[in-house]
């Protein structure tokens, strides 16, 4: 794991431990989370992240070069904080490990 990824993971862990009240409510928690997104590692060159619509729901497709099959990845939770971008590194790691596109 890169130093940048480690620091992001540690920051998100600490953020999750704080209550929304101490951060000024959900709106402030979302703003804080959005600021942390700048530390998320960039998408590797051998991957493509493209927006898709799944029955009217905004989604992303993460694919690696040479992937011939797909995996449907459903993120649990209601996105109280974070975004598809902040979760894309999870899909990239799984896509790389399985050599499959993630939807």
C-alpha atoms as a PDB file:
ATOM      1  CA  UNK A   1       0.000   0.000   0.000  1.00  0.00           C
ATOM      2  CA  UNK A   2       1.397   3.413  -0.921  1.00  0.00           C
ATOM      3  CA  UNK A   3       2.013   6.064   1.713  1.00  0.00           C
ATOM      4  CA  UNK A   4      -0.699   8.230   0.161  1.00  0.00           C
ATOM      5  CA  UNK A   5      -3.254   5.400   0.313  1.00  0.00           C
ATOM      6  CA  UNK A   6      -2.240   4.605   3.899  1.00  0.00           C
ATOM      7  CA  UNK A   7      -2.683   8.231   4.980  1.00  0.00           C
ATOM      8  CA  UNK A   8      -6.078   8.423   3.278  1.00  0.00           C
ATOM      9  CA  UNK A   9      -7.197   5.222   4.947  1.00  0.00           C
ATOM     10  CA  UNK A  10      -6.031   6.442   8.351  1.00  0.00           C
ATOM     11  CA  UNK A  11      -7.764   9.809   7.851  1.00  0.00           C
ATOM     12  CA  UNK A  12     -11.034   8.197   6.861  1.00  0.00           C
ATOM     13  CA  UNK A  13     -10.789   5.843   9.836  1.00  0.00           C
ATOM     14  CA  UNK A  14     -10.363   8.773  12.229  1.00  0.00           C
ATOM     15  CA  UNK A  15     -13.172  10.690  10.531  1.00  0.00           C
ATOM     16  CA  UNK A  16     -15.513   7.729  10.855  1.00  0.00           C
ATOM     17  CA  UNK A  17     -14.792   7.487  14.584  1.00  0.00           C
ATOM     18  CA  UNK A  18     -15.927  11.052  15.195  1.00  0.00           C
ATOM     19  CA  UNK A  19     -19.600  11.656  15.682  1.00  0.00           C
ATOM     20  CA  UNK A  20     -21.470  13.825  13.203  1.00  0.00           C
ATOM     21  CA  UNK A  21     -22.369  16.127  16.098  1.00  0.00           C
ATOM     22  CA  UNK A  22     -18.713  16.953  16.808  1.00  0.00           C
ATOM     23  CA  UNK A  23     -18.260  17.874  13.147  1.00  0.00           C
ATOM     24  CA  UNK A  24     -21.279  20.174  13.092  1.00  0.00           C
ATOM     25  CA  UNK A  25     -23.784  17.755  11.581  1.00  0.00           C
ATOM     26  CA  UNK A  26     -24.029  15.723   8.414  1.00  0.00           C
ATOM     27  CA  UNK A  27     -23.520  18.729   6.088  1.00  0.00           C
ATOM     28  CA  UNK A  28     -20.155  19.550   7.657  1.00  0.00           C
ATOM     29  CA  UNK A  29     -19.212  15.871   7.668  1.00  0.00           C
ATOM     30  CA  UNK A  30     -19.873  15.751   3.912  1.00  0.00           C
ATOM     31  CA  UNK A  31     -17.778  18.875   3.294  1.00  0.00           C
ATOM     32  CA  UNK A  32     -14.925  17.413   5.325  1.00  0.00           C
ATOM     33  CA  UNK A  33     -15.141  14.153   3.400  1.00  0.00           C
ATOM     34  CA  UNK A  34     -15.125  16.017   0.066  1.00  0.00           C
ATOM     35  CA  UNK A  35     -11.955  17.868   1.088  1.00  0.00           C
ATOM     36  CA  UNK A  36     -10.288  14.543   1.903  1.00  0.00           C
ATOM     37  CA  UNK A  37     -10.962  13.258  -1.634  1.00  0.00           C
ATOM     38  CA  UNK A  38      -7.972  15.190  -2.970  1.00  0.00           C
ATOM     39  CA  UNK A  39      -5.746  12.616  -1.228  1.00  0.00           C
ATOM     40  CA  UNK A  40      -7.297   9.657  -3.033  1.00  0.00           C
ATOM     41  CA  UNK A  41      -4.762   8.106  -5.413  1.00  0.00           C
ATOM     42  CA  UNK A  42      -5.378   8.707  -9.099  1.00  0.00           C
ATOM     43  CA  UNK A  43      -6.855   6.007 -11.279  1.00  0.00           C
ATOM     44  CA  UNK A  44      -4.043   3.789 -12.620  1.00  0.00           C
ATOM     45  CA  UNK A  45      -3.287   4.180 -16.338  1.00  0.00           C
ATOM     46  CA  UNK A  46      -4.393   0.639 -17.131  1.00  0.00           C
ATOM     47  CA  UNK A  47      -7.908   1.367 -15.790  1.00  0.00           C
ATOM     48  CA  UNK A  48     -10.866   3.266 -17.155  1.00  0.00           C
ATOM     49  CA  UNK A  49     -13.611   4.774 -14.974  1.00  0.00           C
ATOM     50  CA  UNK A  50     -16.679   5.839 -16.927  1.00  0.00           C
ATOM     51  CA  UNK A  51     -20.092   7.109 -15.799  1.00  0.00           C
ATOM     52  CA  UNK A  52     -23.101   4.904 -16.543  1.00  0.00           C
ATOM     53  CA  UNK A  53     -26.798   5.019 -15.732  1.00  0.00           C
ATOM     54  CA  UNK A  54     -28.281   1.903 -14.170  1.00  0.00           C
ATOM     55  CA  UNK A  55     -32.033   2.238 -14.447  1.00  0.00           C
ATOM     56  CA  UNK A  56     -31.912   5.961 -13.732  1.00  0.00           C
ATOM     57  CA  UNK A  57     -29.299   5.662 -10.977  1.00  0.00           C
ATOM     58  CA  UNK A  58     -25.911   7.281 -11.517  1.00  0.00           C
ATOM     59  CA  UNK A  59     -23.130   4.716 -11.334  1.00  0.00           C
ATOM     60  CA  UNK A  60     -19.589   4.096 -12.534  1.00  0.00           C
ATOM     61  CA  UNK A  61     -17.989   1.302 -14.489  1.00  0.00           C
ATOM     62  CA  UNK A  62     -14.389   0.505 -13.566  1.00  0.00           C
ATOM     63  CA  UNK A  63     -12.581  -1.656 -16.084  1.00  0.00           C
ATOM     64  CA  UNK A  64      -9.021  -2.847 -16.485  1.00  0.00           C
ATOM     65  CA  UNK A  65      -7.330  -3.579 -19.776  1.00  0.00           C
ATOM     66  CA  UNK A  66      -8.087  -7.080 -20.938  1.00  0.00           C
ATOM     67  CA  UNK A  67     -11.177  -7.657 -18.784  1.00  0.00           C
ATOM     68  CA  UNK A  68     -13.704  -9.780 -20.641  1.00  0.00           C
ATOM     69  CA  UNK A  69     -16.244 -10.395 -17.879  1.00  0.00           C
ATOM     70  CA  UNK A  70     -18.030  -8.102 -15.462  1.00  0.00           C
ATOM     71  CA  UNK A  71     -18.793  -8.033 -11.753  1.00  0.00           C
ATOM     72  CA  UNK A  72     -21.679  -6.020 -10.309  1.00  0.00           C
ATOM     73  CA  UNK A  73     -20.384  -4.230  -7.210  1.00  0.00           C
ATOM     74  CA  UNK A  74     -23.048  -2.847  -4.882  1.00  0.00           C
ATOM     75  CA  UNK A  75     -21.671  -0.591  -2.194  1.00  0.00           C
ATOM     76  CA  UNK A  76     -23.529  -0.931   1.071  1.00  0.00           C
ATOM     77  CA  UNK A  77     -24.738   2.176   2.822  1.00  0.00           C
ATOM     78  CA  UNK A  78     -26.639   5.220   1.763  1.00  0.00           C
ATOM     79  CA  UNK A  79     -23.715   7.498   0.900  1.00  0.00           C
ATOM     80  CA  UNK A  80     -24.270   9.696   3.915  1.00  0.00           C
ATOM     81  CA  UNK A  81     -20.725  10.845   3.257  1.00  0.00           C
ATOM     82  CA  UNK A  82     -18.340  10.140   0.434  1.00  0.00           C
ATOM     83  CA  UNK A  83     -19.020   9.655  -3.237  1.00  0.00           C
ATOM     84  CA  UNK A  84     -18.565   7.146  -6.012  1.00  0.00           C
ATOM     85  CA  UNK A  85     -15.127   8.704  -6.562  1.00  0.00           C
ATOM     86  CA  UNK A  86     -14.121   8.165  -2.947  1.00  0.00           C
ATOM     87  CA  UNK A  87     -15.078   4.492  -3.231  1.00  0.00           C
ATOM     88  CA  UNK A  88     -13.590   3.871  -6.694  1.00  0.00           C
ATOM     89  CA  UNK A  89     -10.231   2.720  -5.279  1.00  0.00           C
ATOM     90  CA  UNK A  90     -12.071  -0.256  -3.734  1.00  0.00           C
ATOM     91  CA  UNK A  91     -13.526  -1.247  -7.097  1.00  0.00           C
ATOM     92  CA  UNK A  92     -10.161  -0.732  -8.806  1.00  0.00           C
ATOM     93  CA  UNK A  93      -8.451  -3.083  -6.354  1.00  0.00           C
ATOM     94  CA  UNK A  94     -11.128  -5.726  -6.773  1.00  0.00           C
ATOM     95  CA  UNK A  95     -11.141  -5.342 -10.539  1.00  0.00           C
ATOM     96  CA  UNK A  96      -7.366  -5.790 -10.639  1.00  0.00           C
ATOM     97  CA  UNK A  97      -7.476  -8.856  -8.374  1.00  0.00           C
ATOM     98  CA  UNK A  98     -10.236 -10.509 -10.433  1.00  0.00           C
ATOM     99  CA  UNK A  99      -9.220  -9.174 -13.881  1.00  0.00           C
ATOM    100  CA  UNK A 100     -12.855  -8.175 -14.377  1.00  0.00           C
ATOM    101  CA  UNK A 101     -14.743  -4.939 -15.025  1.00  0.00           C
ATOM    102  CA  UNK A 102     -16.687  -3.641 -12.015  1.00  0.00           C
ATOM    103  CA  UNK A 103     -20.115  -2.047 -12.477  1.00  0.00           C
END
